[in-house]
């Protein structure tokens, strides 16, 4: 895979793509997570990422949903806040990771890996937002985006 200069083919800054010529056709390919750009520091320190994970599925008893989310929060105290209803939930927390790819990968595994141990409903992930700390605070300062999670804990919608 051809490596590109940082930002050369990126539009949003969160992923990078390169265009390769295949015959007369141009094909868009992704730069894999963990690939480095020429001259990029590979030993970058971990950063904080604000994660919002949304899940939904068939209705489940509210008591069971709450108990499962409380168990998940107990098992993983990094969970900041959870909101829930009988057919969906939202989990928000801070993740320390090297880059967005790592933070998103951890978030996408969270629900499935802990579904059995925390006895969570068999819901699917329907949404994921991962933003860096600076973007989170900028959104708050501008009056939009997710408000700081207060009170911390597990709460109904």
N, C-alpha and C. Protein backbone atom coordinates (compact mmCIF):
# COMPACT_ATOMS: atom_id res chain seq x y z
N UNK A 1 0.85 -1.17 0.00
CA UNK A 1 0.00 0.00 0.00
C UNK A 1 0.89 1.23 0.00
N UNK A 2 0.54 2.20 -0.81
CA UNK A 2 1.29 3.44 -0.90
C UNK A 2 0.99 4.31 0.31
N UNK A 3 2.00 4.91 0.89
CA UNK A 3 1.80 5.82 2.02
C UNK A 3 1.68 7.24 1.48
N UNK A 4 0.90 8.05 2.17
CA UNK A 4 0.67 9.42 1.73
C UNK A 4 1.14 10.40 2.78
N UNK A 5 1.32 11.63 2.35
CA UNK A 5 1.66 12.67 3.32
C UNK A 5 0.46 12.89 4.23
N UNK A 6 0.73 13.26 5.47
CA UNK A 6 -0.35 13.49 6.43
C UNK A 6 -1.28 14.57 5.90
N UNK A 7 -2.57 14.24 5.85
CA UNK A 7 -3.58 15.20 5.43
C UNK A 7 -3.72 15.34 3.92
N UNK A 8 -2.88 14.70 3.15
CA UNK A 8 -2.90 14.88 1.70
C UNK A 8 -4.22 14.44 1.08
N UNK A 9 -4.76 13.35 1.54
CA UNK A 9 -6.00 12.85 0.94
C UNK A 9 -7.15 12.80 1.93
N UNK A 10 -6.96 13.34 3.10
CA UNK A 10 -7.97 13.28 4.14
C UNK A 10 -8.88 14.49 4.07
N UNK A 11 -10.19 14.26 4.23
CA UNK A 11 -11.12 15.38 4.25
C UNK A 11 -11.54 15.74 5.65
N UNK A 12 -11.75 14.74 6.49
CA UNK A 12 -12.27 15.00 7.83
C UNK A 12 -11.21 14.90 8.91
N UNK A 13 -10.04 14.45 8.58
CA UNK A 13 -8.99 14.34 9.55
C UNK A 13 -9.03 13.08 10.38
N UNK A 14 -10.12 12.30 10.31
CA UNK A 14 -10.20 11.13 11.15
C UNK A 14 -9.76 9.86 10.43
N UNK A 15 -9.84 9.86 9.11
CA UNK A 15 -9.34 8.73 8.35
C UNK A 15 -8.61 9.26 7.14
N UNK A 16 -7.72 8.47 6.60
CA UNK A 16 -7.00 8.88 5.41
C UNK A 16 -7.22 7.86 4.32
N UNK A 17 -7.27 8.32 3.09
CA UNK A 17 -7.47 7.44 1.96
C UNK A 17 -6.47 7.80 0.88
N UNK A 18 -6.16 6.86 0.03
CA UNK A 18 -5.31 7.12 -1.12
C UNK A 18 -6.05 6.69 -2.37
N UNK A 19 -5.73 7.31 -3.48
CA UNK A 19 -6.30 6.91 -4.75
C UNK A 19 -5.22 6.16 -5.51
N UNK A 20 -5.55 4.97 -6.00
CA UNK A 20 -4.63 4.18 -6.79
C UNK A 20 -5.22 4.03 -8.19
N UNK A 21 -4.37 4.12 -9.17
CA UNK A 21 -4.82 3.90 -10.54
C UNK A 21 -4.81 2.42 -10.84
N UNK A 22 -5.91 1.91 -11.31
CA UNK A 22 -6.02 0.51 -11.72
C UNK A 22 -6.48 0.56 -13.17
N UNK A 23 -5.55 0.38 -14.10
CA UNK A 23 -5.88 0.58 -15.51
C UNK A 23 -6.23 2.04 -15.69
N UNK A 24 -7.40 2.30 -16.21
CA UNK A 24 -7.87 3.68 -16.35
C UNK A 24 -8.80 4.07 -15.21
N UNK A 25 -9.07 3.13 -14.30
CA UNK A 25 -10.01 3.35 -13.21
C UNK A 25 -9.25 3.75 -11.95
N UNK A 26 -9.79 4.71 -11.19
CA UNK A 26 -9.18 5.12 -9.92
C UNK A 26 -9.96 4.45 -8.80
N UNK A 27 -9.25 3.82 -7.86
CA UNK A 27 -9.87 3.08 -6.77
C UNK A 27 -9.47 3.73 -5.46
N UNK A 28 -10.44 3.96 -4.58
CA UNK A 28 -10.20 4.55 -3.27
C UNK A 28 -9.90 3.43 -2.29
N UNK A 29 -8.75 3.52 -1.63
CA UNK A 29 -8.37 2.53 -0.62
C UNK A 29 -8.05 3.23 0.67
N UNK A 30 -8.34 2.58 1.78
CA UNK A 30 -8.08 3.16 3.10
C UNK A 30 -6.67 2.88 3.55
N UNK A 31 -6.13 3.80 4.34
CA UNK A 31 -4.87 3.56 5.02
C UNK A 31 -5.23 2.86 6.31
N UNK A 32 -4.68 1.70 6.54
CA UNK A 32 -5.05 0.89 7.69
C UNK A 32 -4.68 1.57 9.00
N UNK A 33 -5.47 1.30 10.03
CA UNK A 33 -5.15 1.80 11.37
C UNK A 33 -3.78 1.29 11.75
N UNK A 34 -2.97 2.14 12.31
CA UNK A 34 -1.63 1.75 12.72
C UNK A 34 -0.58 2.09 11.67
N UNK A 35 -0.99 2.31 10.40
CA UNK A 35 -0.02 2.74 9.40
C UNK A 35 0.46 4.14 9.75
N UNK A 36 1.69 4.43 9.43
CA UNK A 36 2.22 5.75 9.73
C UNK A 36 2.52 6.49 8.44
N UNK A 37 2.51 7.78 8.53
CA UNK A 37 2.86 8.62 7.41
C UNK A 37 4.36 8.89 7.47
N UNK A 38 4.96 9.23 6.34
CA UNK A 38 6.38 9.54 6.32
C UNK A 38 6.68 10.65 7.31
N UNK A 39 7.62 10.39 8.20
CA UNK A 39 8.04 11.39 9.18
C UNK A 39 7.15 11.49 10.40
N UNK A 40 6.11 10.70 10.48
CA UNK A 40 5.19 10.76 11.62
C UNK A 40 5.79 10.02 12.82
N UNK A 41 5.59 10.57 14.01
CA UNK A 41 6.07 9.96 15.25
C UNK A 41 5.21 8.76 15.58
N UNK A 42 5.80 7.56 15.62
CA UNK A 42 5.04 6.35 15.90
C UNK A 42 4.89 6.09 17.39
N UNK A 43 5.60 6.83 18.23
CA UNK A 43 5.53 6.64 19.67
C UNK A 43 4.69 7.74 20.32
N UNK A 44 3.63 8.15 19.65
CA UNK A 44 2.79 9.22 20.17
C UNK A 44 2.15 8.77 21.49
N UNK A 45 2.06 9.71 22.42
CA UNK A 45 1.46 9.43 23.72
C UNK A 45 -0.05 9.24 23.56
N UNK A 46 -0.65 8.41 24.40
CA UNK A 46 -2.11 8.24 24.34
C UNK A 46 -2.83 9.56 24.59
N UNK A 47 -4.02 9.68 24.01
CA UNK A 47 -4.85 10.87 24.19
C UNK A 47 -6.19 10.43 24.74
N UNK A 48 -6.95 11.41 25.23
CA UNK A 48 -8.31 11.12 25.72
C UNK A 48 -9.31 11.35 24.59
N UNK A 49 -10.24 10.40 24.47
CA UNK A 49 -11.29 10.45 23.47
C UNK A 49 -12.64 10.31 24.18
N UNK A 50 -13.59 11.16 23.81
CA UNK A 50 -14.94 11.05 24.37
C UNK A 50 -15.74 10.12 23.46
N UNK A 51 -16.28 9.05 24.04
CA UNK A 51 -16.99 8.03 23.28
C UNK A 51 -18.46 8.03 23.67
N UNK A 52 -19.31 8.00 22.66
CA UNK A 52 -20.74 7.81 22.86
C UNK A 52 -21.14 6.59 22.04
N UNK A 53 -21.59 5.55 22.73
CA UNK A 53 -22.00 4.30 22.10
C UNK A 53 -23.50 4.15 22.25
N UNK A 54 -24.21 3.97 21.14
CA UNK A 54 -25.66 3.80 21.15
C UNK A 54 -26.00 2.37 20.73
N UNK A 55 -26.89 1.74 21.49
CA UNK A 55 -27.32 0.37 21.20
C UNK A 55 -28.84 0.32 21.22
N UNK A 56 -29.41 -0.63 20.48
CA UNK A 56 -30.86 -0.80 20.53
C UNK A 56 -31.23 -2.21 20.07
N UNK A 57 -32.48 -2.56 20.35
CA UNK A 57 -32.98 -3.88 19.97
C UNK A 57 -34.36 -4.12 20.52
N UNK A 58 -34.70 -5.38 20.64
CA UNK A 58 -36.03 -5.76 21.15
C UNK A 58 -36.20 -5.29 22.59
N UNK A 59 -37.42 -5.00 22.94
CA UNK A 59 -37.70 -4.52 24.30
C UNK A 59 -37.25 -5.53 25.35
N UNK A 60 -36.73 -4.98 26.45
CA UNK A 60 -36.31 -5.78 27.60
C UNK A 60 -36.85 -5.08 28.85
N UNK A 61 -37.06 -5.82 29.92
CA UNK A 61 -37.54 -5.19 31.16
C UNK A 61 -36.56 -4.11 31.64
N UNK A 62 -37.10 -2.95 32.01
CA UNK A 62 -36.26 -1.83 32.44
C UNK A 62 -35.35 -2.20 33.59
N UNK A 63 -35.84 -2.98 34.54
CA UNK A 63 -35.01 -3.38 35.69
C UNK A 63 -33.79 -4.16 35.23
N UNK A 64 -33.97 -5.04 34.24
CA UNK A 64 -32.85 -5.83 33.74
C UNK A 64 -31.86 -4.97 32.97
N UNK A 65 -32.36 -4.02 32.19
CA UNK A 65 -31.47 -3.11 31.45
C UNK A 65 -30.64 -2.31 32.44
N UNK A 66 -31.30 -1.73 33.44
CA UNK A 66 -30.59 -0.93 34.44
C UNK A 66 -29.55 -1.77 35.19
N UNK A 67 -29.95 -2.97 35.62
CA UNK A 67 -29.03 -3.81 36.35
C UNK A 67 -27.81 -4.16 35.50
N UNK A 68 -28.03 -4.46 34.21
CA UNK A 68 -26.92 -4.78 33.31
C UNK A 68 -25.97 -3.61 33.12
N UNK A 69 -26.52 -2.42 32.94
CA UNK A 69 -25.68 -1.23 32.78
C UNK A 69 -24.92 -0.90 34.07
N UNK A 70 -25.59 -1.09 35.22
CA UNK A 70 -24.89 -0.87 36.50
C UNK A 70 -23.76 -1.87 36.68
N UNK A 71 -23.97 -3.12 36.27
CA UNK A 71 -22.92 -4.13 36.36
C UNK A 71 -21.76 -3.77 35.43
N UNK A 72 -22.07 -3.31 34.23
CA UNK A 72 -21.03 -2.88 33.29
C UNK A 72 -20.23 -1.73 33.88
N UNK A 73 -20.92 -0.77 34.48
CA UNK A 73 -20.22 0.37 35.10
C UNK A 73 -19.37 -0.07 36.28
N UNK A 74 -19.86 -1.06 37.04
CA UNK A 74 -19.08 -1.59 38.17
C UNK A 74 -17.84 -2.33 37.68
N UNK A 75 -18.01 -3.13 36.64
CA UNK A 75 -16.88 -3.88 36.09
C UNK A 75 -15.86 -2.98 35.42
N UNK A 76 -16.33 -1.88 34.86
CA UNK A 76 -15.47 -0.95 34.12
C UNK A 76 -15.74 0.47 34.58
N UNK A 77 -15.08 0.90 35.64
CA UNK A 77 -15.39 2.20 36.24
C UNK A 77 -15.09 3.40 35.34
N UNK A 78 -14.52 3.16 34.15
CA UNK A 78 -14.30 4.27 33.24
C UNK A 78 -15.60 4.78 32.65
N UNK A 79 -16.70 4.00 32.76
CA UNK A 79 -17.98 4.44 32.22
C UNK A 79 -18.45 5.67 32.98
N UNK A 80 -18.75 6.70 32.25
CA UNK A 80 -19.12 7.97 32.84
C UNK A 80 -20.62 8.04 33.13
N UNK A 81 -21.40 7.75 32.12
CA UNK A 81 -22.84 7.81 32.30
C UNK A 81 -23.53 6.90 31.28
N UNK A 82 -24.68 6.41 31.66
CA UNK A 82 -25.51 5.61 30.76
C UNK A 82 -26.94 6.12 30.88
N UNK A 83 -27.61 6.17 29.74
CA UNK A 83 -29.04 6.45 29.72
C UNK A 83 -29.70 5.27 29.04
N UNK A 84 -30.91 4.93 29.48
CA UNK A 84 -31.52 3.73 28.94
C UNK A 84 -33.04 3.84 28.88
N UNK A 85 -33.61 3.04 28.00
CA UNK A 85 -35.04 2.81 27.92
C UNK A 85 -35.19 1.30 27.71
N UNK A 86 -36.40 0.82 27.51
CA UNK A 86 -36.56 -0.62 27.40
C UNK A 86 -36.12 -1.19 26.04
N UNK A 87 -35.80 -0.31 25.07
CA UNK A 87 -35.36 -0.81 23.77
C UNK A 87 -34.10 -0.13 23.23
N UNK A 88 -33.47 0.73 24.02
CA UNK A 88 -32.23 1.36 23.58
C UNK A 88 -31.48 1.95 24.78
N UNK A 89 -30.19 2.19 24.55
CA UNK A 89 -29.36 2.78 25.60
C UNK A 89 -28.22 3.55 24.95
N UNK A 90 -27.66 4.45 25.74
CA UNK A 90 -26.51 5.24 25.31
C UNK A 90 -25.48 5.22 26.44
N UNK A 91 -24.26 4.92 26.09
CA UNK A 91 -23.17 4.86 27.07
C UNK A 91 -22.15 5.91 26.67
N UNK A 92 -21.75 6.73 27.63
CA UNK A 92 -20.74 7.77 27.36
C UNK A 92 -19.60 7.62 28.34
N UNK A 93 -18.38 7.75 27.83
CA UNK A 93 -17.21 7.62 28.68
C UNK A 93 -15.98 8.19 27.99
N UNK A 94 -14.92 8.33 28.75
CA UNK A 94 -13.63 8.76 28.22
C UNK A 94 -12.74 7.54 28.04
N UNK A 95 -12.10 7.46 26.90
CA UNK A 95 -11.19 6.36 26.59
C UNK A 95 -9.80 6.94 26.33
N UNK A 96 -8.79 6.30 26.90
CA UNK A 96 -7.42 6.70 26.62
C UNK A 96 -6.88 5.77 25.55
N UNK A 97 -6.47 6.34 24.41
CA UNK A 97 -5.99 5.54 23.30
C UNK A 97 -5.00 6.36 22.47
N UNK A 98 -4.20 5.64 21.70
CA UNK A 98 -3.18 6.27 20.86
C UNK A 98 -3.81 7.12 19.76
N UNK A 99 -4.88 6.60 19.16
CA UNK A 99 -5.53 7.34 18.08
C UNK A 99 -7.01 6.97 18.02
N UNK A 100 -7.72 7.62 17.12
CA UNK A 100 -9.16 7.38 16.98
C UNK A 100 -9.46 5.93 16.62
N UNK A 101 -8.64 5.33 15.77
CA UNK A 101 -8.87 3.93 15.39
C UNK A 101 -8.88 3.03 16.62
N UNK A 102 -7.92 3.21 17.52
CA UNK A 102 -7.84 2.38 18.72
C UNK A 102 -9.04 2.61 19.64
N UNK A 103 -9.41 3.88 19.84
CA UNK A 103 -10.54 4.20 20.71
C UNK A 103 -11.83 3.63 20.14
N UNK A 104 -12.03 3.73 18.83
CA UNK A 104 -13.25 3.19 18.21
C UNK A 104 -13.27 1.67 18.27
N UNK A 105 -12.13 1.04 18.09
CA UNK A 105 -12.07 -0.42 18.15
C UNK A 105 -12.48 -0.93 19.53
N UNK A 106 -11.99 -0.28 20.57
CA UNK A 106 -12.35 -0.67 21.94
C UNK A 106 -13.85 -0.46 22.15
N UNK A 107 -14.37 0.66 21.69
CA UNK A 107 -15.79 0.97 21.87
C UNK A 107 -16.67 -0.04 21.14
N UNK A 108 -16.28 -0.45 19.95
CA UNK A 108 -17.09 -1.39 19.19
C UNK A 108 -17.10 -2.79 19.79
N UNK A 109 -16.10 -3.11 20.60
CA UNK A 109 -16.06 -4.41 21.27
C UNK A 109 -16.76 -4.40 22.63
N UNK A 110 -16.93 -3.22 23.22
CA UNK A 110 -17.43 -3.10 24.59
C UNK A 110 -18.73 -3.86 24.83
N UNK A 111 -19.74 -3.60 24.04
CA UNK A 111 -21.06 -4.19 24.27
C UNK A 111 -21.03 -5.71 24.09
N UNK A 112 -20.48 -6.17 23.00
CA UNK A 112 -20.46 -7.60 22.72
C UNK A 112 -19.62 -8.40 23.70
N UNK A 113 -18.47 -7.88 24.07
CA UNK A 113 -17.59 -8.61 24.98
C UNK A 113 -18.14 -8.70 26.39
N UNK A 114 -18.99 -7.76 26.78
CA UNK A 114 -19.50 -7.75 28.15
C UNK A 114 -20.99 -8.08 28.23
N UNK A 115 -21.56 -8.45 27.09
CA UNK A 115 -22.99 -8.77 27.08
C UNK A 115 -23.31 -9.91 28.04
N UNK A 116 -22.50 -10.95 28.04
CA UNK A 116 -22.79 -12.11 28.88
C UNK A 116 -22.43 -11.85 30.34
N UNK A 117 -21.25 -11.30 30.62
CA UNK A 117 -20.83 -11.12 32.01
C UNK A 117 -21.70 -10.10 32.74
N UNK A 118 -22.15 -9.06 32.06
CA UNK A 118 -23.01 -8.05 32.69
C UNK A 118 -24.49 -8.34 32.44
N UNK A 119 -24.78 -9.43 31.73
CA UNK A 119 -26.15 -9.81 31.38
C UNK A 119 -26.89 -8.66 30.71
N UNK A 120 -26.25 -8.10 29.69
CA UNK A 120 -26.84 -7.01 28.92
C UNK A 120 -27.81 -7.57 27.90
N UNK A 121 -28.80 -6.77 27.47
CA UNK A 121 -29.73 -7.25 26.44
C UNK A 121 -28.98 -7.56 25.15
N UNK A 122 -29.53 -8.44 24.31
CA UNK A 122 -28.87 -8.80 23.06
C UNK A 122 -29.10 -7.76 21.97
N UNK A 123 -28.76 -6.53 22.28
CA UNK A 123 -28.95 -5.42 21.34
C UNK A 123 -27.74 -5.25 20.46
N UNK A 124 -27.94 -4.54 19.35
CA UNK A 124 -26.84 -4.26 18.45
C UNK A 124 -26.40 -2.80 18.58
N UNK A 125 -25.16 -2.56 18.22
CA UNK A 125 -24.64 -1.20 18.21
C UNK A 125 -25.23 -0.50 17.00
N UNK A 126 -25.85 0.66 17.23
CA UNK A 126 -26.48 1.41 16.13
C UNK A 126 -25.83 2.78 15.94
N UNK A 127 -24.92 3.14 16.83
CA UNK A 127 -24.27 4.43 16.67
C UNK A 127 -22.99 4.50 17.49
N UNK A 128 -22.02 5.22 16.96
CA UNK A 128 -20.76 5.42 17.65
C UNK A 128 -20.21 6.78 17.28
N UNK A 129 -19.88 7.56 18.29
CA UNK A 129 -19.19 8.82 18.07
C UNK A 129 -17.95 8.82 18.94
N UNK A 130 -16.82 9.12 18.33
CA UNK A 130 -15.55 9.23 19.05
C UNK A 130 -14.94 10.56 18.66
N UNK A 131 -14.77 11.44 19.65
CA UNK A 131 -14.18 12.75 19.38
C UNK A 131 -13.05 13.00 20.38
N UNK A 132 -12.08 13.78 19.96
CA UNK A 132 -10.97 14.06 20.87
C UNK A 132 -11.40 15.08 21.93
N UNK A 133 -10.58 15.18 22.95
CA UNK A 133 -10.90 16.03 24.10
C UNK A 133 -11.10 17.49 23.69
N UNK A 134 -10.24 17.96 22.82
CA UNK A 134 -10.33 19.36 22.37
C UNK A 134 -11.66 19.62 21.66
N UNK A 135 -12.06 18.73 20.78
CA UNK A 135 -13.32 18.89 20.06
C UNK A 135 -14.50 18.84 21.03
N UNK A 136 -14.46 17.94 22.00
CA UNK A 136 -15.52 17.84 23.00
C UNK A 136 -15.68 19.18 23.74
N UNK A 137 -14.57 19.72 24.23
CA UNK A 137 -14.63 20.98 24.98
C UNK A 137 -15.01 22.15 24.09
N UNK A 138 -14.60 22.13 22.83
CA UNK A 138 -14.98 23.19 21.90
C UNK A 138 -16.50 23.16 21.67
N UNK A 139 -17.07 21.99 21.51
CA UNK A 139 -18.52 21.86 21.34
C UNK A 139 -19.27 22.40 22.55
N UNK A 140 -18.80 22.05 23.73
CA UNK A 140 -19.45 22.51 24.96
C UNK A 140 -19.38 24.04 25.04
N UNK A 141 -18.22 24.60 24.75
CA UNK A 141 -18.03 26.06 24.81
C UNK A 141 -18.93 26.78 23.81
N UNK A 142 -19.18 26.15 22.66
CA UNK A 142 -20.02 26.77 21.63
C UNK A 142 -21.51 26.52 21.87
N UNK A 143 -21.84 25.76 22.90
CA UNK A 143 -23.23 25.55 23.26
C UNK A 143 -23.93 24.41 22.54
N UNK A 144 -23.19 23.54 21.91
CA UNK A 144 -23.81 22.37 21.30
C UNK A 144 -22.97 21.13 21.59
N UNK A 145 -23.51 19.99 21.22
CA UNK A 145 -22.81 18.75 21.53
C UNK A 145 -23.33 18.20 22.83
N UNK A 146 -22.83 17.03 23.21
CA UNK A 146 -23.31 16.41 24.45
C UNK A 146 -22.89 17.22 25.67
N UNK A 147 -23.83 17.55 26.51
CA UNK A 147 -23.50 18.30 27.72
C UNK A 147 -22.67 17.43 28.65
N UNK A 148 -21.86 18.04 29.50
CA UNK A 148 -21.10 17.23 30.46
C UNK A 148 -22.04 16.31 31.22
N UNK A 149 -21.58 15.10 31.43
CA UNK A 149 -22.43 14.06 32.03
C UNK A 149 -22.60 14.29 33.52
N UNK A 150 -23.67 14.96 33.89
CA UNK A 150 -24.01 15.12 35.29
C UNK A 150 -25.49 14.85 35.43
N UNK A 151 -25.91 14.09 36.34
CA UNK A 151 -25.08 13.34 37.27
C UNK A 151 -24.49 12.10 36.61
N UNK A 152 -23.35 11.71 37.07
CA UNK A 152 -22.68 10.52 36.59
C UNK A 152 -23.46 9.30 37.07
N UNK A 153 -23.53 8.27 36.25
CA UNK A 153 -24.22 7.05 36.65
C UNK A 153 -25.13 6.51 35.57
N UNK A 154 -26.06 5.66 35.98
CA UNK A 154 -27.00 5.00 35.09
C UNK A 154 -28.38 5.61 35.33
N UNK A 155 -28.99 6.19 34.29
CA UNK A 155 -30.25 6.90 34.43
C UNK A 155 -31.21 6.58 33.30
N UNK A 156 -32.52 6.55 33.59
CA UNK A 156 -33.49 6.37 32.50
C UNK A 156 -33.54 7.63 31.63
N UNK A 157 -34.00 7.47 30.39
CA UNK A 157 -34.17 8.64 29.50
C UNK A 157 -35.24 9.54 30.07
